[in-house]
C-alpha atoms as a PDB file:
ATOM      1  CA  MET A   1       0.000   0.000   0.000  1.00  0.00           C
ATOM      2  CA  GLY A   2       6.795 -12.367   0.555  1.00  0.00           C
ATOM      3  CA  THR A   3       9.374  -9.915  -0.583  1.00  0.00           C
ATOM      4  CA  GLY A   4      12.935  -9.761   0.456  1.00  0.00           C
ATOM      5  CA  ALA A   5      15.679  -7.314  -0.318  1.00  0.00           C
ATOM      6  CA  LEU A   6      18.551  -8.430  -2.483  1.00  0.00           C
ATOM      7  CA  ALA A   7      21.346  -9.701  -0.345  1.00  0.00           C
ATOM      8  CA  ARG A   8      24.025  -7.098   0.477  1.00  0.00           C
ATOM      9  CA  PRO A   9      27.334  -7.467   2.276  1.00  0.00           C
ATOM     10  CA  VAL A  10      27.269  -6.511   5.935  1.00  0.00           C
ATOM     11  CA  GLY A  11      28.515  -2.991   6.502  1.00  0.00           C
ATOM     12  CA  ARG A  12      27.723   0.468   5.283  1.00  0.00           C
ATOM     13  CA  ARG A  13      25.182   0.847   2.501  1.00  0.00           C
ATOM     14  CA  PRO A  14      26.553   2.285  -0.730  1.00  0.00           C
ATOM     15  CA  LYS A  15      25.614   5.919  -1.247  1.00  0.00           C
ATOM     16  CA  VAL A  16      23.096   6.292  -4.045  1.00  0.00           C
ATOM     17  CA  ARG A  17      23.695   9.338  -6.213  1.00  0.00           C
ATOM     18  CA  TRP A  18      20.893  10.935  -8.175  1.00  0.00           C
ATOM     19  CA  GLY A  19      21.280  13.018 -11.315  1.00  0.00           C
ATOM     20  CA  ASN A  20      24.790  11.873 -12.291  1.00  0.00           C
ATOM     21  CA  ARG A  21      24.025   9.201 -14.857  1.00  0.00           C
ATOM     22  CA  GLU A  22      22.871   9.469 -18.435  1.00  0.00           C
ATOM     23  CA  GLY A  23      19.492   7.805 -18.926  1.00  0.00           C
ATOM     24  CA  VAL A  24      15.884   8.075 -17.872  1.00  0.00           C
ATOM     25  CA  LYS A  25      14.516   8.362 -14.354  1.00  0.00           C
ATOM     26  CA  LEU A  26      11.293   6.390 -13.924  1.00  0.00           C
ATOM     27  CA  ILE A  27       8.555   8.034 -11.835  1.00  0.00           C
ATOM     28  CA  VAL A  28       5.642   5.652 -11.166  1.00  0.00           C
ATOM     29  CA  GLY A  29       2.346   6.540  -9.537  1.00  0.00           C
ATOM     30  CA  LEU A  30       0.099   3.740  -8.317  1.00  0.00           C
ATOM     31  CA  GLY A  31      -3.657   3.455  -8.745  1.00  0.00           C
ATOM     32  CA  ASN A  32      -6.427   1.669 -10.589  1.00  0.00           C
ATOM     33  CA  PRO A  33      -7.410   2.430 -14.192  1.00  0.00           C
ATOM     34  CA  GLY A  34     -10.978   3.491 -14.910  1.00  0.00           C
ATOM     35  CA  ILE A  35     -12.954   6.693 -14.517  1.00  0.00           C
ATOM     36  CA  GLU A  36     -14.793   5.304 -11.487  1.00  0.00           C
ATOM     37  CA  TYR A  37     -11.509   5.237  -9.521  1.00  0.00           C
ATOM     38  CA  GLN A  38     -10.034   8.499 -10.804  1.00  0.00           C
ATOM     39  CA  PHE A  39     -10.539  10.749  -7.781  1.00  0.00           C
ATOM     40  CA  THR A  40     -10.421   8.145  -5.017  1.00  0.00           C
ATOM     41  CA  PRO A  41      -7.877   8.002  -2.167  1.00  0.00           C
ATOM     42  CA  HIS A  42      -6.350   4.804  -3.544  1.00  0.00           C
ATOM     43  CA  ASN A  43      -5.494   6.681  -6.761  1.00  0.00           C
ATOM     44  CA  LEU A  44      -3.396   9.447  -5.214  1.00  0.00           C
ATOM     45  CA  GLY A  45      -0.367   8.031  -7.011  1.00  0.00           C
ATOM     46  CA  PHE A  46      -2.071   8.442 -10.384  1.00  0.00           C
ATOM     47  CA  LEU A  47      -3.213  11.949  -9.443  1.00  0.00           C
ATOM     48  CA  ALA A  48       0.352  12.881  -8.495  1.00  0.00           C
ATOM     49  CA  ILE A  49       1.655  11.712 -11.875  1.00  0.00           C
ATOM     50  CA  ASP A  50      -1.045  13.750 -13.606  1.00  0.00           C
ATOM     51  CA  ARG A  51      -0.042  16.843 -11.587  1.00  0.00           C
ATOM     52  CA  ILE A  52       3.614  16.419 -12.523  1.00  0.00           C
ATOM     53  CA  ALA A  53       2.621  15.937 -16.162  1.00  0.00           C
ATOM     54  CA  ASP A  54       0.532  19.118 -16.037  1.00  0.00           C
ATOM     55  CA  ASP A  55       3.506  21.024 -14.646  1.00  0.00           C
ATOM     56  CA  LEU A  56       5.664  19.693 -17.496  1.00  0.00           C
ATOM     57  CA  GLY A  57       3.024  20.387 -20.157  1.00  0.00           C
ATOM     58  CA  VAL A  58       2.749  16.745 -21.243  1.00  0.00           C
ATOM     59  CA  GLU A  59      -0.047  14.154 -21.306  1.00  0.00           C
ATOM     60  CA  VAL A  60       0.257  10.664 -19.825  1.00  0.00           C
ATOM     61  CA  ARG A  61      -1.259   8.753 -22.737  1.00  0.00           C
ATOM     62  CA  ASN A  62       1.461   6.724 -24.471  1.00  0.00           C
ATOM     63  CA  ARG A  63       0.756   3.013 -23.946  1.00  0.00           C
ATOM     64  CA  GLN A  64       3.757   0.771 -23.382  1.00  0.00           C
ATOM     65  CA  CYS A  65       4.737  -2.038 -21.025  1.00  0.00           C
ATOM     66  CA  LYS A  66       1.195  -2.282 -19.553  1.00  0.00           C
ATOM     67  CA  ALA A  67       1.290   1.385 -18.532  1.00  0.00           C
ATOM     68  CA  LEU A  68       0.355   4.869 -19.666  1.00  0.00           C
ATOM     69  CA  THR A  69       3.488   7.009 -19.922  1.00  0.00           C
ATOM     70  CA  ALA A  70       4.837  10.430 -20.827  1.00  0.00           C
ATOM     71  CA  ARG A  71       8.340  11.843 -21.261  1.00  0.00           C
ATOM     72  CA  GLY A  72       9.613  15.102 -19.788  1.00  0.00           C
ATOM     73  CA  VAL A  73      12.543  16.868 -18.182  1.00  0.00           C
ATOM     74  CA  ILE A  74      12.842  17.797 -14.499  1.00  0.00           C
ATOM     75  CA  GLY A  75      15.920  19.821 -13.692  1.00  0.00           C
ATOM     76  CA  SER A  76      18.543  18.276 -15.933  1.00  0.00           C
ATOM     77  CA  GLU A  77      17.013  14.795 -15.815  1.00  0.00           C
ATOM     78  CA  GLN A  78      15.055  13.005 -18.507  1.00  0.00           C
ATOM     79  CA  VAL A  79      12.055  11.423 -16.788  1.00  0.00           C
ATOM     80  CA  LEU A  80       9.459   8.874 -17.769  1.00  0.00           C
ATOM     81  CA  LEU A  81       6.147   9.278 -15.943  1.00  0.00           C
ATOM     82  CA  ALA A  82       4.115   6.078 -15.682  1.00  0.00           C
ATOM     83  CA  LYS A  83       0.705   4.896 -14.483  1.00  0.00           C
ATOM     84  CA  PRO A  84       0.409   1.081 -14.565  1.00  0.00           C
ATOM     85  CA  GLU A  85      -2.793  -0.187 -16.188  1.00  0.00           C
ATOM     86  CA  THR A  86      -2.612  -3.586 -14.502  1.00  0.00           C
ATOM     87  CA  PHE A  87      -4.697  -2.592 -11.458  1.00  0.00           C
ATOM     88  CA  MET A  88      -3.017  -1.953  -8.140  1.00  0.00           C
ATOM     89  CA  ASN A  89      -2.211  -5.493  -6.999  1.00  0.00           C
ATOM     90  CA  LEU A  90      -0.266  -6.272 -10.201  1.00  0.00           C
ATOM     91  CA  SER A  91       1.627  -2.982 -10.499  1.00  0.00           C
ATOM     92  CA  GLY A  92       4.944  -4.828 -10.472  1.00  0.00           C
ATOM     93  CA  MET A  93       4.272  -6.367 -13.882  1.00  0.00           C
ATOM     94  CA  ALA A  94       4.279  -2.972 -15.593  1.00  0.00           C
ATOM     95  CA  VAL A  95       7.149  -1.577 -13.543  1.00  0.00           C
ATOM     96  CA  ARG A  96       9.346  -4.611 -14.255  1.00  0.00           C
ATOM     97  CA  GLU A  97       8.782  -4.230 -18.005  1.00  0.00           C
ATOM     98  CA  LEU A  98       9.563  -0.508 -17.908  1.00  0.00           C
ATOM     99  CA  VAL A  99      12.689  -1.113 -15.809  1.00  0.00           C
ATOM    100  CA  ALA A 100      13.913  -3.681 -18.339  1.00  0.00           C
ATOM    101  CA  LYS A 101      13.060  -1.591 -21.407  1.00  0.00           C
ATOM    102  CA  TYR A 102      14.797   1.550 -20.171  1.00  0.00           C
ATOM    103  CA  ASP A 103      17.670  -0.137 -18.297  1.00  0.00           C
ATOM    104  CA  VAL A 104      16.537   1.512 -15.069  1.00  0.00           C
ATOM    105  CA  ARG A 105      18.407   0.783 -11.840  1.00  0.00           C
ATOM    106  CA  PRO A 106      15.681   0.510  -9.175  1.00  0.00           C
ATOM    107  CA  GLU A 107      17.942   1.741  -6.378  1.00  0.00           C
ATOM    108  CA  ALA A 108      18.949   4.921  -8.227  1.00  0.00           C
ATOM    109  CA  ASP A 109      16.554   5.628 -11.094  1.00  0.00           C
ATOM    110  CA  LEU A 110      13.082   4.777  -9.756  1.00  0.00           C
ATOM    111  CA  ILE A 111      10.600   6.680  -7.581  1.00  0.00           C
ATOM    112  CA  VAL A 112       7.216   5.178  -6.664  1.00  0.00           C
ATOM    113  CA  ILE A 113       4.321   7.337  -5.408  1.00  0.00           C
ATOM    114  CA  TYR A 114       1.336   5.804  -3.602  1.00  0.00           C
ATOM    115  CA  ASP A 115      -1.326   6.261  -0.917  1.00  0.00           C
ATOM    116  CA  GLU A 116      -0.750   5.355   2.715  1.00  0.00           C
ATOM    117  CA  LEU A 117      -3.495   4.608   5.250  1.00  0.00           C
ATOM    118  CA  ASP A 118      -1.083   4.900   8.197  1.00  0.00           C
ATOM    119  CA  LEU A 119      -0.540   8.616   7.517  1.00  0.00           C
ATOM    120  CA  PRO A 120      -3.092  11.426   7.875  1.00  0.00           C
ATOM    121  CA  LEU A 121      -4.464  13.145   4.809  1.00  0.00           C
ATOM    122  CA  GLY A 122      -2.213  16.064   3.924  1.00  0.00           C
ATOM    123  CA  THR A 123       0.984  14.281   4.958  1.00  0.00           C
ATOM    124  CA  ILE A 124       3.739  12.979   2.706  1.00  0.00           C
ATOM    125  CA  ARG A 125       6.690  10.792   3.637  1.00  0.00           C
ATOM    126  CA  VAL A 126       9.774  10.264   1.503  1.00  0.00           C
ATOM    127  CA  ARG A 127      11.780   7.082   2.023  1.00  0.00           C
ATOM    128  CA  GLN A 128      14.790   5.645   0.222  1.00  0.00           C
ATOM    129  CA  ARG A 129      14.044   1.994   0.911  1.00  0.00           C
ATOM    130  CA  GLY A 130      11.851  -0.329   2.944  1.00  0.00           C
ATOM    131  CA  ARG A 131       9.120  -2.938   2.966  1.00  0.00           C
ATOM    132  CA  SER A 132       5.658  -2.480   1.516  1.00  0.00           C
ATOM    133  CA  ALA A 133       4.004  -1.936   4.937  1.00  0.00           C
ATOM    134  CA  GLY A 134       0.946  -3.780   3.650  1.00  0.00           C
ATOM    135  CA  HIS A 135       0.448  -1.764   0.459  1.00  0.00           C
ATOM    136  CA  ASN A 136      -0.373  -4.307  -2.248  1.00  0.00           C
ATOM    137  CA  GLY A 137       0.881  -2.181  -5.127  1.00  0.00           C
ATOM    138  CA  MET A 138       4.256  -1.580  -3.518  1.00  0.00           C
ATOM    139  CA  ALA A 139       4.461  -5.238  -2.496  1.00  0.00           C
ATOM    140  CA  SER A 140       3.926  -6.213  -6.135  1.00  0.00           C
ATOM    141  CA  ILE A 141       6.752  -3.922  -7.268  1.00  0.00           C
ATOM    142  CA  ILE A 142       9.166  -5.147  -4.607  1.00  0.00           C
ATOM    143  CA  GLY A 143       8.368  -8.740  -5.543  1.00  0.00           C
ATOM    144  CA  ALA A 144       8.730  -8.100  -9.279  1.00  0.00           C
ATOM    145  CA  LEU A 145      12.058  -6.292  -8.941  1.00  0.00           C
ATOM    146  CA  GLY A 146      13.456  -8.432  -6.127  1.00  0.00           C
ATOM    147  CA  THR A 147      14.607  -5.484  -4.035  1.00  0.00           C
ATOM    148  CA  GLN A 148      13.376  -3.108  -1.346  1.00  0.00           C
ATOM    149  CA  GLU A 149      15.954  -0.506  -2.402  1.00  0.00           C
ATOM    150  CA  ILE A 150      13.347   1.695  -4.063  1.00  0.00           C
ATOM    151  CA  ALA A 151      12.746   5.371  -3.303  1.00  0.00           C
ATOM    152  CA  ARG A 152       9.118   6.097  -2.599  1.00  0.00           C
ATOM    153  CA  ILE A 153       6.775   8.937  -1.670  1.00  0.00           C
ATOM    154  CA  ARG A 154       3.846   7.882   0.521  1.00  0.00           C
ATOM    155  CA  LEU A 155       0.780  10.115   0.542  1.00  0.00           C
ATOM    156  CA  GLY A 156      -1.428   9.949   3.617  1.00  0.00           C
ATOM    157  CA  ILE A 157      -5.150   9.255   3.280  1.00  0.00           C
ATOM    158  CA  ALA A 158      -6.183   8.514   6.890  1.00  0.00           C
ATOM    159  CA  PRO A 159      -8.747   8.402   8.407  1.00  0.00           C
ATOM    160  CA  GLU A 160     -10.400   7.536   5.070  1.00  0.00           C
ATOM    161  CA  GLN A 161     -11.567   3.909   5.134  1.00  0.00           C
ATOM    162  CA  LYS A 162     -13.495   3.756   1.864  1.00  0.00           C
ATOM    163  CA  ILE A 163     -10.436   4.101  -0.318  1.00  0.00           C
ATOM    164  CA  LEU A 164     -12.289   3.355  -3.559  1.00  0.00           C
ATOM    165  CA  ARG A 165     -14.892   6.094  -3.112  1.00  0.00           C
ATOM    166  CA  PRO A 166     -14.222   9.629  -4.413  1.00  0.00           C
ATOM    167  CA  PHE A 167     -12.763  12.243  -2.101  1.00  0.00           C
ATOM    168  CA  ARG A 168     -15.326  14.410  -0.363  1.00  0.00           C
ATOM    169  CA  LYS A 169     -15.561  18.025  -1.465  1.00  0.00           C
ATOM    170  CA  ALA A 170     -14.122  19.223   1.838  1.00  0.00           C
ATOM    171  CA  GLN A 171     -10.972  17.143   1.224  1.00  0.00           C
ATOM    172  CA  LEU A 172     -10.185  18.424  -2.264  1.00  0.00           C
ATOM    173  CA  LYS A 173      -8.274  21.515  -1.138  1.00  0.00           C
ATOM    174  CA  ILE A 174      -5.997  19.350   1.006  1.00  0.00           C
ATOM    175  CA  VAL A 175      -5.501  16.894  -1.844  1.00  0.00           C
ATOM    176  CA  ASP A 176      -4.619  19.718  -4.224  1.00  0.00           C
ATOM    177  CA  GLY A 177      -1.935  20.960  -1.852  1.00  0.00           C
ATOM    178  CA  VAL A 178      -0.522  17.468  -1.381  1.00  0.00           C
ATOM    179  CA  LEU A 179      -0.197  16.981  -5.135  1.00  0.00           C
ATOM    180  CA  ASP A 180       1.755  20.236  -5.465  1.00  0.00           C
ATOM    181  CA  THR A 181       4.012  19.194  -2.577  1.00  0.00           C
ATOM    182  CA  THR A 182       4.566  15.775  -4.142  1.00  0.00           C
ATOM    183  CA  ALA A 183       5.609  17.311  -7.460  1.00  0.00           C
ATOM    184  CA  GLU A 184       8.090  19.486  -5.602  1.00  0.00           C
ATOM    185  CA  ALA A 185       9.397  16.480  -3.636  1.00  0.00           C
ATOM    186  CA  VAL A 186      10.063  14.586  -6.868  1.00  0.00           C
ATOM    187  CA  LYS A 187      12.026  17.562  -8.176  1.00  0.00           C
ATOM    188  CA  VAL A 188      14.094  17.737  -4.993  1.00  0.00           C
ATOM    189  CA  ILE A 189      14.851  13.998  -5.092  1.00  0.00           C
ATOM    190  CA  LEU A 190      16.075  14.275  -8.671  1.00  0.00           C
ATOM    191  CA  THR A 191      18.114  17.435  -8.198  1.00  0.00           C
ATOM    192  CA  GLU A 192      19.317  17.271  -4.589  1.00  0.00           C
ATOM    193  CA  GLY A 193      18.854  13.677  -3.454  1.00  0.00           C
ATOM    194  CA  VAL A 194      16.538  11.565  -1.334  1.00  0.00           C
ATOM    195  CA  ALA A 195      18.119  12.578   1.989  1.00  0.00           C
ATOM    196  CA  VAL A 196      17.491  16.261   1.307  1.00  0.00           C
ATOM    197  CA  ALA A 197      13.898  15.511   0.309  1.00  0.00           C
ATOM    198  CA  MET A 198      13.345  13.487   3.486  1.00  0.00           C
ATOM    199  CA  ASN A 199      14.587  16.354   5.662  1.00  0.00           C
ATOM    200  CA  ARG A 200      12.476  18.884   3.812  1.00  0.00           C
ATOM    201  CA  PHE A 201       9.168  17.072   3.372  1.00  0.00           C
ATOM    202  CA  ASN A 202       8.843  14.516   6.175  1.00  0.00           C
ATOM    203  CA  ARG A 203       6.910  16.822   8.471  1.00  0.00           C
ATOM    204  CA  LYS A 204       3.602  16.420  10.241  1.00  0.00           C
ATOM    205  CA  ALA A 205       0.576  17.785   8.431  1.00  0.00           C
ATOM    206  CA  ASP A 206      -0.683  21.132   9.637  1.00  0.00           C
ATOM    207  CA  PRO A 207      -3.988  20.784  11.537  1.00  0.00           C
ATOM    208  CA  GLU A 208      -7.078  21.639   9.526  1.00  0.00           C
ATOM    209  CA  ALA A 209      -8.506  25.087  10.095  1.00  0.00           C
END
Protein backbone atom coordinates (compact mmCIF):
# COMPACT_ATOMS: atom_id res chain seq x y z
CA MET A 1 0.00 0.00 0.00
CA GLY A 2 6.80 -12.37 0.56
CA THR A 3 9.37 -9.92 -0.58
CA GLY A 4 12.94 -9.76 0.46
CA ALA A 5 15.68 -7.31 -0.32
CA LEU A 6 18.55 -8.43 -2.48
CA ALA A 7 21.35 -9.70 -0.34
CA ARG A 8 24.03 -7.10 0.48
CA PRO A 9 27.33 -7.47 2.28
CA VAL A 10 27.27 -6.51 5.94
CA GLY A 11 28.51 -2.99 6.50
CA ARG A 12 27.72 0.47 5.28
CA ARG A 13 25.18 0.85 2.50
CA PRO A 14 26.55 2.29 -0.73
CA LYS A 15 25.61 5.92 -1.25
CA VAL A 16 23.10 6.29 -4.04
CA ARG A 17 23.69 9.34 -6.21
CA TRP A 18 20.89 10.94 -8.18
CA GLY A 19 21.28 13.02 -11.31
CA ASN A 20 24.79 11.87 -12.29
CA ARG A 21 24.02 9.20 -14.86
CA GLU A 22 22.87 9.47 -18.44
CA GLY A 23 19.49 7.80 -18.93
CA VAL A 24 15.88 8.07 -17.87
CA LYS A 25 14.52 8.36 -14.35
CA LEU A 26 11.29 6.39 -13.92
CA ILE A 27 8.56 8.03 -11.83
CA VAL A 28 5.64 5.65 -11.17
CA GLY A 29 2.35 6.54 -9.54
CA LEU A 30 0.10 3.74 -8.32
CA GLY A 31 -3.66 3.45 -8.75
CA ASN A 32 -6.43 1.67 -10.59
CA PRO A 33 -7.41 2.43 -14.19
CA GLY A 34 -10.98 3.49 -14.91
CA ILE A 35 -12.95 6.69 -14.52
CA GLU A 36 -14.79 5.30 -11.49
CA TYR A 37 -11.51 5.24 -9.52
CA GLN A 38 -10.03 8.50 -10.80
CA PHE A 39 -10.54 10.75 -7.78
CA THR A 40 -10.42 8.14 -5.02
CA PRO A 41 -7.88 8.00 -2.17
CA HIS A 42 -6.35 4.80 -3.54
CA ASN A 43 -5.49 6.68 -6.76
CA LEU A 44 -3.40 9.45 -5.21
CA GLY A 45 -0.37 8.03 -7.01
CA PHE A 46 -2.07 8.44 -10.38
CA LEU A 47 -3.21 11.95 -9.44
CA ALA A 48 0.35 12.88 -8.50
CA ILE A 49 1.65 11.71 -11.88
CA ASP A 50 -1.04 13.75 -13.61
CA ARG A 51 -0.04 16.84 -11.59
CA ILE A 52 3.61 16.42 -12.52
CA ALA A 53 2.62 15.94 -16.16
CA ASP A 54 0.53 19.12 -16.04
CA ASP A 55 3.51 21.02 -14.65
CA LEU A 56 5.66 19.69 -17.50
CA GLY A 57 3.02 20.39 -20.16
CA VAL A 58 2.75 16.74 -21.24
CA GLU A 59 -0.05 14.15 -21.31
CA VAL A 60 0.26 10.66 -19.83
CA ARG A 61 -1.26 8.75 -22.74
CA ASN A 62 1.46 6.72 -24.47
CA ARG A 63 0.76 3.01 -23.95
CA GLN A 64 3.76 0.77 -23.38
CA CYS A 65 4.74 -2.04 -21.03
CA LYS A 66 1.19 -2.28 -19.55
CA ALA A 67 1.29 1.38 -18.53
CA LEU A 68 0.35 4.87 -19.67
CA THR A 69 3.49 7.01 -19.92
CA ALA A 70 4.84 10.43 -20.83
CA ARG A 71 8.34 11.84 -21.26
CA GLY A 72 9.61 15.10 -19.79
CA VAL A 73 12.54 16.87 -18.18
CA ILE A 74 12.84 17.80 -14.50
CA GLY A 75 15.92 19.82 -13.69
CA SER A 76 18.54 18.28 -15.93
CA GLU A 77 17.01 14.79 -15.82
CA GLN A 78 15.05 13.01 -18.51
CA VAL A 79 12.06 11.42 -16.79
CA LEU A 80 9.46 8.87 -17.77
CA LEU A 81 6.15 9.28 -15.94
CA ALA A 82 4.12 6.08 -15.68
CA LYS A 83 0.71 4.90 -14.48
CA PRO A 84 0.41 1.08 -14.57
CA GLU A 85 -2.79 -0.19 -16.19
CA THR A 86 -2.61 -3.59 -14.50
CA PHE A 87 -4.70 -2.59 -11.46
CA MET A 88 -3.02 -1.95 -8.14
CA ASN A 89 -2.21 -5.49 -7.00
CA LEU A 90 -0.27 -6.27 -10.20
CA SER A 91 1.63 -2.98 -10.50
CA GLY A 92 4.94 -4.83 -10.47
CA MET A 93 4.27 -6.37 -13.88
CA ALA A 94 4.28 -2.97 -15.59
CA VAL A 95 7.15 -1.58 -13.54
CA ARG A 96 9.35 -4.61 -14.25
CA GLU A 97 8.78 -4.23 -18.01
CA LEU A 98 9.56 -0.51 -17.91
CA VAL A 99 12.69 -1.11 -15.81
CA ALA A 100 13.91 -3.68 -18.34
CA LYS A 101 13.06 -1.59 -21.41
CA TYR A 102 14.80 1.55 -20.17
CA ASP A 103 17.67 -0.14 -18.30
CA VAL A 104 16.54 1.51 -15.07
CA ARG A 105 18.41 0.78 -11.84
CA PRO A 106 15.68 0.51 -9.18
CA GLU A 107 17.94 1.74 -6.38
CA ALA A 108 18.95 4.92 -8.23
CA ASP A 109 16.55 5.63 -11.09
CA LEU A 110 13.08 4.78 -9.76
CA ILE A 111 10.60 6.68 -7.58
CA VAL A 112 7.22 5.18 -6.66
CA ILE A 113 4.32 7.34 -5.41
CA TYR A 114 1.34 5.80 -3.60
CA ASP A 115 -1.33 6.26 -0.92
CA GLU A 116 -0.75 5.35 2.71
CA LEU A 117 -3.49 4.61 5.25
CA ASP A 118 -1.08 4.90 8.20
CA LEU A 119 -0.54 8.62 7.52
CA PRO A 120 -3.09 11.43 7.88
CA LEU A 121 -4.46 13.15 4.81
CA GLY A 122 -2.21 16.06 3.92
CA THR A 123 0.98 14.28 4.96
CA ILE A 124 3.74 12.98 2.71
CA ARG A 125 6.69 10.79 3.64
CA VAL A 126 9.77 10.26 1.50
CA ARG A 127 11.78 7.08 2.02
CA GLN A 128 14.79 5.65 0.22
CA ARG A 129 14.04 1.99 0.91
CA GLY A 130 11.85 -0.33 2.94
CA ARG A 131 9.12 -2.94 2.97
CA SER A 132 5.66 -2.48 1.52
CA ALA A 133 4.00 -1.94 4.94
CA GLY A 134 0.95 -3.78 3.65
CA HIS A 135 0.45 -1.76 0.46
CA ASN A 136 -0.37 -4.31 -2.25
CA GLY A 137 0.88 -2.18 -5.13
CA MET A 138 4.26 -1.58 -3.52
CA ALA A 139 4.46 -5.24 -2.50
CA SER A 140 3.93 -6.21 -6.13
CA ILE A 141 6.75 -3.92 -7.27
CA ILE A 142 9.17 -5.15 -4.61
CA GLY A 143 8.37 -8.74 -5.54
CA ALA A 144 8.73 -8.10 -9.28
CA LEU A 145 12.06 -6.29 -8.94
CA GLY A 146 13.46 -8.43 -6.13
CA THR A 147 14.61 -5.48 -4.04
CA GLN A 148 13.38 -3.11 -1.35
CA GLU A 149 15.95 -0.51 -2.40
CA ILE A 150 13.35 1.69 -4.06
CA ALA A 151 12.75 5.37 -3.30
CA ARG A 152 9.12 6.10 -2.60
CA ILE A 153 6.77 8.94 -1.67
CA ARG A 154 3.85 7.88 0.52
CA LEU A 155 0.78 10.11 0.54
CA GLY A 156 -1.43 9.95 3.62
CA ILE A 157 -5.15 9.26 3.28
CA ALA A 158 -6.18 8.51 6.89
CA PRO A 159 -8.75 8.40 8.41
CA GLU A 160 -10.40 7.54 5.07
CA GLN A 161 -11.57 3.91 5.13
CA LYS A 162 -13.49 3.76 1.86
CA ILE A 163 -10.44 4.10 -0.32
CA LEU A 164 -12.29 3.35 -3.56
CA ARG A 165 -14.89 6.09 -3.11
CA PRO A 166 -14.22 9.63 -4.41
CA PHE A 167 -12.76 12.24 -2.10
CA ARG A 168 -15.33 14.41 -0.36
CA LYS A 169 -15.56 18.03 -1.46
CA ALA A 170 -14.12 19.22 1.84
CA GLN A 171 -10.97 17.14 1.22
CA LEU A 172 -10.18 18.42 -2.26
CA LYS A 173 -8.27 21.51 -1.14
CA ILE A 174 -6.00 19.35 1.01
CA VAL A 175 -5.50 16.89 -1.84
CA ASP A 176 -4.62 19.72 -4.22
CA GLY A 177 -1.93 20.96 -1.85
CA VAL A 178 -0.52 17.47 -1.38
CA LEU A 179 -0.20 16.98 -5.14
CA ASP A 180 1.76 20.24 -5.47
CA THR A 181 4.01 19.19 -2.58
CA THR A 182 4.57 15.77 -4.14
CA ALA A 183 5.61 17.31 -7.46
CA GLU A 184 8.09 19.49 -5.60
CA ALA A 185 9.40 16.48 -3.64
CA VAL A 186 10.06 14.59 -6.87
CA LYS A 187 12.03 17.56 -8.18
CA VAL A 188 14.09 17.74 -4.99
CA ILE A 189 14.85 14.00 -5.09
CA LEU A 190 16.07 14.28 -8.67
CA THR A 191 18.11 17.44 -8.20
CA GLU A 192 19.32 17.27 -4.59
CA GLY A 193 18.85 13.68 -3.45
CA VAL A 194 16.54 11.56 -1.33
CA ALA A 195 18.12 12.58 1.99
CA VAL A 196 17.49 16.26 1.31
CA ALA A 197 13.90 15.51 0.31
CA MET A 198 13.34 13.49 3.49
CA ASN A 199 14.59 16.35 5.66
CA ARG A 200 12.48 18.88 3.81
CA PHE A 201 9.17 17.07 3.37
CA ASN A 202 8.84 14.52 6.17
CA ARG A 203 6.91 16.82 8.47
CA LYS A 204 3.60 16.42 10.24
CA ALA A 205 0.58 17.79 8.43
CA ASP A 206 -0.68 21.13 9.64
CA PRO A 207 -3.99 20.78 11.54
CA GLU A 208 -7.08 21.64 9.53
CA ALA A 209 -8.51 25.09 10.09
